[in-house]
């Protein structure tokens, strides 16, 4: 469903839900790749899960940067779509794509130079280190594919066509599962490749997904690529302007992802059963959390479009109030999902050690509370970004992560040897730290009067 309102038209909660549910499905499929791989290799034991956890943590740094810049592009495209400017729309798409691919190419060079040293320093034994290297070598294909796929996803989302990215994952995920199962266990005459087989399955699926999105773009929007001119006069100037707009947003998301992955590297020093439990639960935190995050992103897309039409502040306030109620409903759904995951873990992950299963169950109290402040904070963050209050949002994320959660994680794990459950609770504590500055800024209201960036 494309939301393209006239001035003073405010989308209903049903219209926002029509935007949000395909984004939720797509995000679940994206994060589900790690969940699926973790489930498929869990039958091989804790060491195999540790390989996946270590590899995914390192690769997640680059994937996070791609998602970061793509989220900035998504807001830029929503503004362009809301202003009915085809030159702006084409510029946002191609500039975003250029930045994504460039970031990934430099990132892969850095991965080749430094990943081996990190793996050797954190792996519990030489076998885990060797398998992690092999996994990352194949997973580089996934990272490169995502640099294109995430930008195209942002384009369709920003234009309100959120179902198209969801369809791309609906095509790709079954392929991922089938190829991974065959190669992990050596079925149908294929070689038994273990954890590396999961990486190959993800790579095949990612290439297929990007091919689907490129084809959809050429079929549905080929005329856009023939539009002459650039938003800021030349392509180079447009890329620079896009980058200036994107950097605070990208820094926000990059900081969040890097903080998560740095914390993940610290988790790697935990005893192997505790690290395996963290490796299993963190993708579930991402997967279930997409319900609230996708609602918040849909709200941000609509806010960007409405601001481009100079919607009156009282109507915008009504829309935000509706959005917050939706966020609470989404949080309740997420809490139920978390409860189901934790309570079913002794059966779903039956091949793992009882201590690992016990650790998973201990995370439940935190998971039941976490979605509520996280969902409300997400509404604030996406609305403020749409109103070009990007630097303030960046500061909230960066300081809460690097002055609080990451140092606290390091101290608890490396020096205090506290319960892994208390370490996990830092996710909730971080959201509580962010809550006051987010909501005070929303009440100030200056974001509702910001001009659209050039």
Protein backbone atom coordinates (compact mmCIF):
# COMPACT_ATOMS: atom_id res chain seq x y z
CA UNK A 1 0.00 0.00 0.00
CA UNK A 2 1.40 3.40 -1.02
CA UNK A 3 0.68 6.19 1.46
CA UNK A 4 0.65 9.42 -0.50
CA UNK A 5 -1.67 11.73 1.44
CA UNK A 6 -2.91 15.14 0.49
CA UNK A 7 -2.04 17.95 2.89
CA UNK A 8 -3.96 17.53 6.17
CA UNK A 9 -4.74 13.85 5.40
CA UNK A 10 -3.56 11.77 8.37
CA UNK A 11 -3.19 8.02 7.81
CA UNK A 12 -5.13 5.76 10.16
CA UNK A 13 -3.59 3.06 12.31
CA UNK A 14 -4.76 0.54 9.72
CA UNK A 15 -2.87 2.39 6.98
CA UNK A 16 0.30 2.46 9.10
CA UNK A 17 -0.16 -1.24 9.85
CA UNK A 18 -0.37 -1.88 6.10
CA UNK A 19 3.07 -0.31 5.84
CA UNK A 20 4.47 -1.98 8.93
CA UNK A 21 3.54 -5.64 8.54
CA UNK A 22 5.51 -6.26 5.32
CA UNK A 23 8.49 -4.50 6.92
CA UNK A 24 8.10 -6.76 9.95
CA UNK A 25 8.00 -9.83 7.75
CA UNK A 26 11.06 -8.68 5.80
CA UNK A 27 13.02 -7.88 8.95
CA UNK A 28 12.11 -11.23 10.49
CA UNK A 29 13.38 -12.93 7.36
CA UNK A 30 16.63 -10.92 7.47
CA UNK A 31 17.36 -11.59 11.13
CA UNK A 32 15.84 -15.04 10.72
CA UNK A 33 18.82 -16.02 8.58
CA UNK A 34 20.96 -16.07 11.73
CA UNK A 35 18.21 -17.75 13.77
CA UNK A 36 17.80 -20.43 11.10
CA UNK A 37 21.53 -21.00 10.82
CA UNK A 38 21.86 -21.18 14.61
CA UNK A 39 19.03 -23.71 14.85
CA UNK A 40 20.42 -25.83 12.02
CA UNK A 41 23.95 -25.98 13.46
CA UNK A 42 22.81 -26.40 17.09
CA UNK A 43 22.58 -30.15 16.50
CA UNK A 44 26.37 -30.10 15.94
CA UNK A 45 26.97 -28.92 19.53
CA UNK A 46 28.11 -25.82 21.44
CA UNK A 47 31.38 -25.50 19.52
CA UNK A 48 29.52 -25.16 16.21
CA UNK A 49 27.19 -22.57 17.75
CA UNK A 50 30.25 -20.70 19.02
CA UNK A 51 31.68 -20.63 15.47
CA UNK A 52 28.46 -19.09 14.21
CA UNK A 53 28.30 -16.61 17.09
CA UNK A 54 31.86 -15.40 16.61
CA UNK A 55 31.57 -15.17 12.81
CA UNK A 56 28.17 -13.49 12.82
CA UNK A 57 29.39 -10.94 15.37
CA UNK A 58 32.30 -9.88 13.16
CA UNK A 59 30.25 -9.90 9.93
CA UNK A 60 27.49 -8.01 11.75
CA UNK A 61 29.71 -4.94 11.97
CA UNK A 62 29.60 -4.55 8.18
CA UNK A 63 25.95 -5.58 7.83
CA UNK A 64 25.16 -2.99 10.49
CA UNK A 65 26.90 -0.23 8.55
CA UNK A 66 24.90 -1.17 5.44
CA UNK A 67 21.63 -1.08 7.38
CA UNK A 68 22.67 2.22 8.96
CA UNK A 69 23.20 4.04 5.69
CA UNK A 70 20.13 2.35 4.20
CA UNK A 71 17.94 3.70 7.00
CA UNK A 72 19.19 7.19 6.22
CA UNK A 73 18.40 6.62 2.54
CA UNK A 74 14.92 5.42 3.49
CA UNK A 75 14.10 8.71 5.22
CA UNK A 76 15.58 10.68 2.32
CA UNK A 77 13.45 8.72 -0.17
CA UNK A 78 10.32 9.20 1.95
CA UNK A 79 10.94 12.97 1.88
CA UNK A 80 11.48 12.87 -1.88
CA UNK A 81 8.36 10.81 -2.43
CA UNK A 82 6.32 13.11 -0.21
CA UNK A 83 7.47 16.18 -2.18
CA UNK A 84 6.59 14.66 -5.60
CA UNK A 85 10.05 15.39 -7.00
CA UNK A 86 11.29 12.63 -9.38
CA UNK A 87 14.78 14.16 -9.61
CA UNK A 88 15.05 14.10 -5.81
CA UNK A 89 13.78 10.50 -5.78
CA UNK A 90 16.27 9.29 -8.39
CA UNK A 91 19.12 11.12 -6.68
CA UNK A 92 18.29 9.61 -3.29
CA UNK A 93 18.24 6.09 -4.73
CA UNK A 94 21.46 6.22 -6.74
CA UNK A 95 23.39 8.22 -4.13
CA UNK A 96 22.34 5.78 -1.43
CA UNK A 97 23.38 2.83 -3.58
CA UNK A 98 26.77 4.39 -4.33
CA UNK A 99 27.46 5.02 -0.65
CA UNK A 100 26.39 1.51 0.40
CA UNK A 101 28.59 -0.29 -2.12
CA UNK A 102 31.59 1.94 -1.36
CA UNK A 103 31.27 1.38 2.39
CA UNK A 104 31.08 -2.40 1.92
CA UNK A 105 34.07 -2.59 -0.42
CA UNK A 106 36.26 -0.74 2.06
CA UNK A 107 34.79 -2.82 4.86
CA UNK A 108 35.62 -6.09 3.15
CA UNK A 109 39.21 -4.94 2.74
CA UNK A 110 39.34 -4.22 6.47
CA UNK A 111 37.76 -7.60 7.18
CA UNK A 112 40.46 -9.32 5.16
CA UNK A 113 43.21 -7.46 7.00
CA UNK A 114 42.04 -7.68 10.62
CA UNK A 115 39.34 -10.35 11.08
CA UNK A 116 41.83 -13.19 11.38
CA UNK A 117 43.62 -11.56 14.31
CA UNK A 118 40.32 -10.94 16.12
CA UNK A 119 39.18 -14.53 15.55
CA UNK A 120 42.46 -16.00 16.82
CA UNK A 121 42.27 -13.86 19.94
CA UNK A 122 38.67 -14.76 20.84
CA UNK A 123 38.13 -18.34 19.64
CA UNK A 124 37.97 -20.96 22.38
CA UNK A 125 40.09 -23.43 20.38
CA UNK A 126 41.87 -23.73 16.99
CA UNK A 127 38.96 -25.64 15.39
CA UNK A 128 36.52 -22.79 16.15
CA UNK A 129 39.02 -20.27 14.77
CA UNK A 130 39.53 -22.20 11.53
CA UNK A 131 35.81 -22.71 10.96
CA UNK A 132 35.06 -19.05 11.68
CA UNK A 133 37.57 -17.98 9.02
CA UNK A 134 35.97 -20.29 6.46
CA UNK A 135 32.47 -19.05 7.38
CA UNK A 136 33.45 -15.38 6.97
CA UNK A 137 35.11 -16.03 3.61
CA UNK A 138 31.79 -17.23 2.19
CA UNK A 139 29.67 -14.74 4.13
CA UNK A 140 31.45 -11.86 2.35
CA UNK A 141 29.11 -12.61 -0.57
CA UNK A 142 26.13 -12.00 1.71
CA UNK A 143 27.57 -8.66 2.85
CA UNK A 144 28.15 -7.46 -0.72
CA UNK A 145 24.66 -8.53 -1.79
CA UNK A 146 23.10 -6.77 1.19
CA UNK A 147 24.79 -3.49 0.21
CA UNK A 148 22.55 -3.47 -2.86
CA UNK A 149 19.54 -5.22 -1.39
CA UNK A 150 19.19 -2.99 1.65
CA UNK A 151 19.30 0.17 -0.48
CA UNK A 152 16.59 -1.16 -2.80
CA UNK A 153 14.57 -2.18 0.24
CA UNK A 154 14.84 1.37 1.57
CA UNK A 155 13.67 2.71 -1.79
CA UNK A 156 10.52 0.60 -1.86
CA UNK A 157 9.82 1.26 1.84
CA UNK A 158 10.27 5.02 1.44
CA UNK A 159 7.78 4.99 -1.43
CA UNK A 160 5.29 3.05 0.70
CA UNK A 161 5.72 -0.18 -1.28
CA UNK A 162 6.82 -2.23 1.71
CA UNK A 163 5.42 -5.48 0.35
CA UNK A 164 8.04 -5.76 -2.38
CA UNK A 165 11.03 -6.29 -0.02
CA UNK A 166 8.92 -8.75 1.98
CA UNK A 167 8.24 -10.75 -1.18
CA UNK A 168 11.96 -10.85 -1.96
CA UNK A 169 12.66 -12.58 1.35
CA UNK A 170 9.69 -14.89 0.90
CA UNK A 171 11.45 -16.13 -2.24
CA UNK A 172 14.94 -16.27 -0.73
CA UNK A 173 14.46 -17.77 2.75
CA UNK A 174 13.15 -21.22 1.67
CA UNK A 175 16.19 -21.47 -0.62
CA UNK A 176 18.43 -20.56 2.32
CA UNK A 177 16.94 -23.29 4.50
CA UNK A 178 17.05 -25.96 1.79
CA UNK A 179 20.63 -25.27 0.69
CA UNK A 180 21.87 -24.94 4.29
CA UNK A 181 20.30 -28.22 5.44
CA UNK A 182 21.77 -30.10 2.49
CA UNK A 183 25.29 -28.68 2.90
CA UNK A 184 25.48 -28.71 6.70
CA UNK A 185 24.65 -32.41 6.91
CA UNK A 186 25.87 -33.61 3.48
CA UNK A 187 22.49 -34.75 2.17
CA UNK A 188 21.59 -35.76 -1.40
CA UNK A 189 25.21 -36.61 -2.19
CA UNK A 190 26.51 -33.12 -1.29
CA UNK A 191 29.68 -32.75 0.82
CA UNK A 192 29.15 -32.42 4.58
CA UNK A 193 30.37 -28.87 5.25
CA UNK A 194 29.05 -28.15 8.75
CA UNK A 195 28.86 -24.48 9.71
CA UNK A 196 30.29 -23.35 6.36
CA UNK A 197 27.30 -24.98 4.65
CA UNK A 198 25.05 -22.52 6.50
CA UNK A 199 27.11 -19.63 5.10
CA UNK A 200 26.75 -20.95 1.55
CA UNK A 201 22.98 -21.24 2.00
CA UNK A 202 22.83 -17.62 3.18
CA UNK A 203 24.96 -16.47 0.23
CA UNK A 204 22.79 -18.20 -2.37
CA UNK A 205 19.64 -16.77 -0.78
CA UNK A 206 21.05 -13.21 -0.62
CA UNK A 207 22.03 -13.19 -4.29
CA UNK A 208 18.57 -14.48 -5.23
CA UNK A 209 16.89 -11.83 -3.07
CA UNK A 210 18.88 -8.98 -4.64
CA UNK A 211 18.12 -10.28 -8.13
CA UNK A 212 14.40 -10.18 -7.28
CA UNK A 213 14.59 -6.56 -6.08
CA UNK A 214 16.62 -5.38 -9.09
CA UNK A 215 14.10 -7.00 -11.43
CA UNK A 216 11.20 -5.40 -9.54
CA UNK A 217 12.85 -1.98 -9.75
CA UNK A 218 13.42 -2.27 -13.50
CA UNK A 219 9.85 -3.41 -14.11
CA UNK A 220 8.07 -0.94 -11.82
CA UNK A 221 10.36 2.12 -11.83
CA UNK A 222 12.45 1.97 -14.99
CA UNK A 223 11.26 5.45 -16.00
CA UNK A 224 12.74 6.91 -12.82
CA UNK A 225 16.25 5.94 -13.94
CA UNK A 226 15.70 7.93 -17.15
CA UNK A 227 14.87 11.17 -15.32
CA UNK A 228 17.45 13.82 -16.20
CA UNK A 229 19.26 16.01 -13.68
CA UNK A 230 20.39 15.66 -10.06
CA UNK A 231 19.00 17.06 -6.83
CA UNK A 232 22.07 19.23 -6.20
CA UNK A 233 23.13 19.96 -9.76
CA UNK A 234 25.65 17.16 -10.30
CA UNK A 235 25.93 13.54 -9.20
CA UNK A 236 29.02 14.24 -7.09
CA UNK A 237 27.35 17.18 -5.33
CA UNK A 238 24.23 15.07 -4.72
CA UNK A 239 26.31 12.26 -3.21
CA UNK A 240 28.05 14.74 -0.90
CA UNK A 241 24.72 16.26 0.19
CA UNK A 242 23.19 12.82 0.71
CA UNK A 243 26.20 11.81 2.78
CA UNK A 244 25.94 14.95 4.93
CA UNK A 245 22.30 14.15 5.62
CA UNK A 246 22.99 10.45 6.15
CA UNK A 247 26.02 10.62 8.45
CA UNK A 248 24.21 11.43 11.74
CA UNK A 249 21.56 8.79 11.02
CA UNK A 250 24.14 6.28 9.86
CA UNK A 251 26.29 7.06 12.89
CA UNK A 252 23.30 6.37 15.12
CA UNK A 253 22.60 2.97 13.62
CA UNK A 254 26.27 2.15 13.18
CA UNK A 255 26.93 2.99 16.81
CA UNK A 256 24.09 0.71 17.87
CA UNK A 257 25.26 -2.18 15.70
CA UNK A 258 28.93 -1.74 16.58
CA UNK A 259 28.02 -1.60 20.27
CA UNK A 260 26.04 -4.83 19.89
CA UNK A 261 28.89 -6.54 18.09
CA UNK A 262 31.58 -5.25 20.45
CA UNK A 263 29.43 -6.56 23.29
CA UNK A 264 29.18 -9.81 21.34
CA UNK A 265 32.95 -10.06 21.19
CA UNK A 266 33.05 -9.53 24.95
CA UNK A 267 30.39 -12.25 25.35
CA UNK A 268 32.77 -14.57 23.46
CA UNK A 269 35.02 -14.61 26.55
CA UNK A 270 32.21 -16.12 28.67
CA UNK A 271 32.23 -19.86 29.39
CA UNK A 272 31.13 -21.67 26.28
CA UNK A 273 27.67 -22.65 27.60
CA UNK A 274 26.87 -19.06 28.55
CA UNK A 275 28.23 -17.75 25.24
CA UNK A 276 26.12 -20.30 23.37
CA UNK A 277 23.02 -19.10 25.26
CA UNK A 278 23.77 -15.46 24.34
CA UNK A 279 24.40 -16.50 20.72
CA UNK A 280 21.00 -18.17 20.59
CA UNK A 281 18.95 -15.46 22.32
CA UNK A 282 20.39 -12.33 20.67
CA UNK A 283 19.05 -13.15 17.16
CA UNK A 284 15.67 -13.82 18.77
CA UNK A 285 15.84 -10.39 20.42
CA UNK A 286 16.32 -8.93 16.93
CA UNK A 287 13.69 -11.11 15.25
CA UNK A 288 10.89 -10.56 17.77
CA UNK A 289 11.90 -6.93 18.22
CA UNK A 290 11.19 -6.25 14.56
CA UNK A 291 7.47 -6.13 15.35
CA UNK A 292 7.91 -2.91 17.32
CA UNK A 293 10.79 -1.58 15.23
CA UNK A 294 8.88 -1.99 11.96
CA UNK A 295 5.89 -0.16 13.41
CA UNK A 296 8.22 2.67 14.44
CA UNK A 297 9.88 2.77 11.00
CA UNK A 298 6.49 2.90 9.31
CA UNK A 299 5.59 5.81 11.59
CA UNK A 300 8.85 7.53 10.59
CA UNK A 301 8.08 7.11 6.88
CA UNK A 302 4.62 8.62 7.31
CA UNK A 303 5.97 11.48 9.46
CA UNK A 304 8.56 12.31 6.77
CA UNK A 305 5.85 12.37 4.11
CA UNK A 306 3.51 14.48 6.26
CA UNK A 307 6.22 16.98 7.13
CA UNK A 308 6.96 17.38 3.42
CA UNK A 309 3.32 18.55 3.06
CA UNK A 310 3.48 20.96 6.00
CA UNK A 311 0.88 19.11 8.07
CA UNK A 312 -0.43 21.23 11.01
CA UNK A 313 1.11 20.45 14.39
CA UNK A 314 -2.15 19.49 16.10
CA UNK A 315 -2.82 16.83 13.48
CA UNK A 316 0.74 15.57 13.78
CA UNK A 317 0.32 15.32 17.56
CA UNK A 318 -2.79 13.19 17.07
CA UNK A 319 -0.93 10.90 14.72
CA UNK A 320 1.96 10.46 17.19
CA UNK A 321 -0.48 9.65 20.01
CA UNK A 322 -2.00 6.92 17.83
CA UNK A 323 1.48 5.67 16.97
CA UNK A 324 2.41 5.32 20.65
CA UNK A 325 -0.67 3.22 21.37
CA UNK A 326 0.30 0.98 18.48
CA UNK A 327 3.82 0.69 19.90
CA UNK A 328 2.46 -0.58 23.22
CA UNK A 329 0.36 -3.21 21.45
CA UNK A 330 3.40 -4.28 19.43
CA UNK A 331 5.46 -4.49 22.64
CA UNK A 332 2.90 -6.81 24.24
CA UNK A 333 3.06 -9.09 21.17
CA UNK A 334 6.87 -9.13 21.37
CA UNK A 335 6.77 -10.02 25.08
CA UNK A 336 4.54 -13.00 24.31
CA UNK A 337 6.95 -14.15 21.58
CA UNK A 338 9.89 -13.90 23.98
CA UNK A 339 8.00 -15.96 26.56
CA UNK A 340 7.27 -18.65 23.98
CA UNK A 341 10.91 -18.80 22.88
CA UNK A 342 12.34 -19.06 26.40
CA UNK A 343 9.78 -21.55 27.70
CA UNK A 344 10.12 -23.80 24.66
CA UNK A 345 13.94 -23.74 24.58
CA UNK A 346 14.37 -27.13 26.38
CA UNK A 347 12.54 -28.76 23.47
CA UNK A 348 13.62 -26.55 20.55
CA UNK A 349 17.31 -26.76 21.52
CA UNK A 350 17.15 -30.23 23.03
CA UNK A 351 20.67 -31.16 21.85
CA UNK A 352 22.33 -28.45 23.92
CA UNK A 353 23.75 -28.81 27.44
CA UNK A 354 21.25 -28.38 30.33
CA UNK A 355 23.27 -25.40 31.62
CA UNK A 356 22.79 -23.64 28.29
CA UNK A 357 19.04 -24.28 28.42
CA UNK A 358 18.87 -23.05 32.04
CA UNK A 359 20.65 -19.82 31.07
CA UNK A 360 18.14 -19.21 28.28
CA UNK A 361 15.25 -19.50 30.74
CA UNK A 362 16.92 -17.02 33.11
CA UNK A 363 16.64 -14.27 30.46
CA UNK A 364 12.82 -14.34 30.50
CA UNK A 365 12.08 -11.64 33.16
CA UNK A 366 14.19 -9.08 31.28
CA UNK A 367 12.62 -10.02 27.95
CA UNK A 368 9.09 -9.49 29.26
CA UNK A 369 9.82 -5.84 30.15
CA UNK A 370 12.31 -4.83 27.43
CA UNK A 371 9.85 -4.36 24.50
CA UNK A 372 7.85 -1.56 26.17
CA UNK A 373 10.49 1.16 26.70
CA UNK A 374 12.26 0.03 23.53
CA UNK A 375 9.09 0.45 21.44
CA UNK A 376 8.28 3.91 22.79
CA UNK A 377 11.88 5.03 22.32
CA UNK A 378 11.75 3.82 18.72
CA UNK A 379 8.71 5.96 17.98
CA UNK A 380 10.58 9.01 19.28
CA UNK A 381 13.76 8.23 17.38
CA UNK A 382 12.07 7.69 14.02
CA UNK A 383 9.85 10.76 14.35
CA UNK A 384 12.79 12.98 15.33
CA UNK A 385 14.88 11.71 12.40
CA UNK A 386 12.03 12.40 9.99
CA UNK A 387 11.97 15.95 11.38
CA UNK A 388 15.72 16.30 10.72
CA UNK A 389 16.59 16.25 14.42
CA UNK A 390 19.16 13.60 13.55
CA UNK A 391 22.14 14.89 15.52
CA UNK A 392 20.22 14.85 18.81
CA UNK A 393 19.10 11.26 18.22
CA UNK A 394 22.67 10.32 17.38
CA UNK A 395 23.90 11.72 20.69
CA UNK A 396 21.30 9.80 22.69
CA UNK A 397 22.33 6.51 21.12
CA UNK A 398 26.07 7.07 21.18
CA UNK A 399 26.32 8.21 24.80
CA UNK A 400 23.93 5.60 26.17
CA UNK A 401 25.89 2.88 24.41
CA UNK A 402 29.50 3.98 24.82
CA UNK A 403 29.29 5.63 28.22
CA UNK A 404 26.96 3.03 29.70
CA UNK A 405 26.20 -0.34 28.07
CA UNK A 406 29.52 -1.28 26.45
CA UNK A 407 31.71 -0.25 29.44
CA UNK A 408 29.27 -1.91 31.84
CA UNK A 409 29.35 -5.10 29.76
CA UNK A 410 33.15 -5.10 29.74
CA UNK A 411 33.40 -4.52 33.49
CA UNK A 412 30.79 -7.17 34.35
CA UNK A 413 32.19 -9.86 32.06
CA UNK A 414 35.94 -9.22 32.16
CA UNK A 415 36.43 -8.08 35.74
CA UNK A 416 33.46 -8.76 38.04
CA UNK A 417 32.44 -12.22 36.77
CA UNK A 418 28.77 -11.50 37.53
CA UNK A 419 25.78 -13.57 36.46
CA UNK A 420 25.26 -13.69 32.68
CA UNK A 421 21.61 -12.83 33.37
CA UNK A 422 22.67 -9.53 34.93
CA UNK A 423 24.89 -8.87 31.90
CA UNK A 424 21.90 -9.50 29.64
CA UNK A 425 19.77 -7.06 31.68
CA UNK A 426 21.96 -4.20 30.42
CA UNK A 427 19.81 -4.22 27.27
CA UNK A 428 16.85 -3.09 29.40
CA UNK A 429 18.89 -0.64 31.45
CA UNK A 430 20.09 1.08 28.27
CA UNK A 431 16.50 1.69 27.12
CA UNK A 432 15.66 3.21 30.50
CA UNK A 433 18.66 5.54 30.19
CA UNK A 434 17.44 6.73 26.75
CA UNK A 435 13.81 7.18 27.79
CA UNK A 436 13.88 10.68 29.42
CA UNK A 437 15.93 12.53 26.73
CA UNK A 438 13.86 11.04 23.92
CA UNK A 439 10.48 12.00 25.36
CA UNK A 440 11.56 15.45 26.52
CA UNK A 441 12.72 16.23 22.98
CA UNK A 442 9.43 15.03 21.49
CA UNK A 443 7.51 17.33 23.84
CA UNK A 444 9.63 20.30 22.76
CA UNK A 445 8.21 19.91 19.24
CA UNK A 446 10.82 21.74 17.16
CA UNK A 447 11.18 18.65 14.93
CA UNK A 448 7.67 19.32 13.56
CA UNK A 449 8.76 22.66 12.08
CA UNK A 450 12.07 21.66 10.44
CA UNK A 451 12.52 22.39 6.69
CA UNK A 452 13.20 19.49 4.30
CA UNK A 453 16.97 19.17 3.73
CA UNK A 454 18.20 20.09 0.25
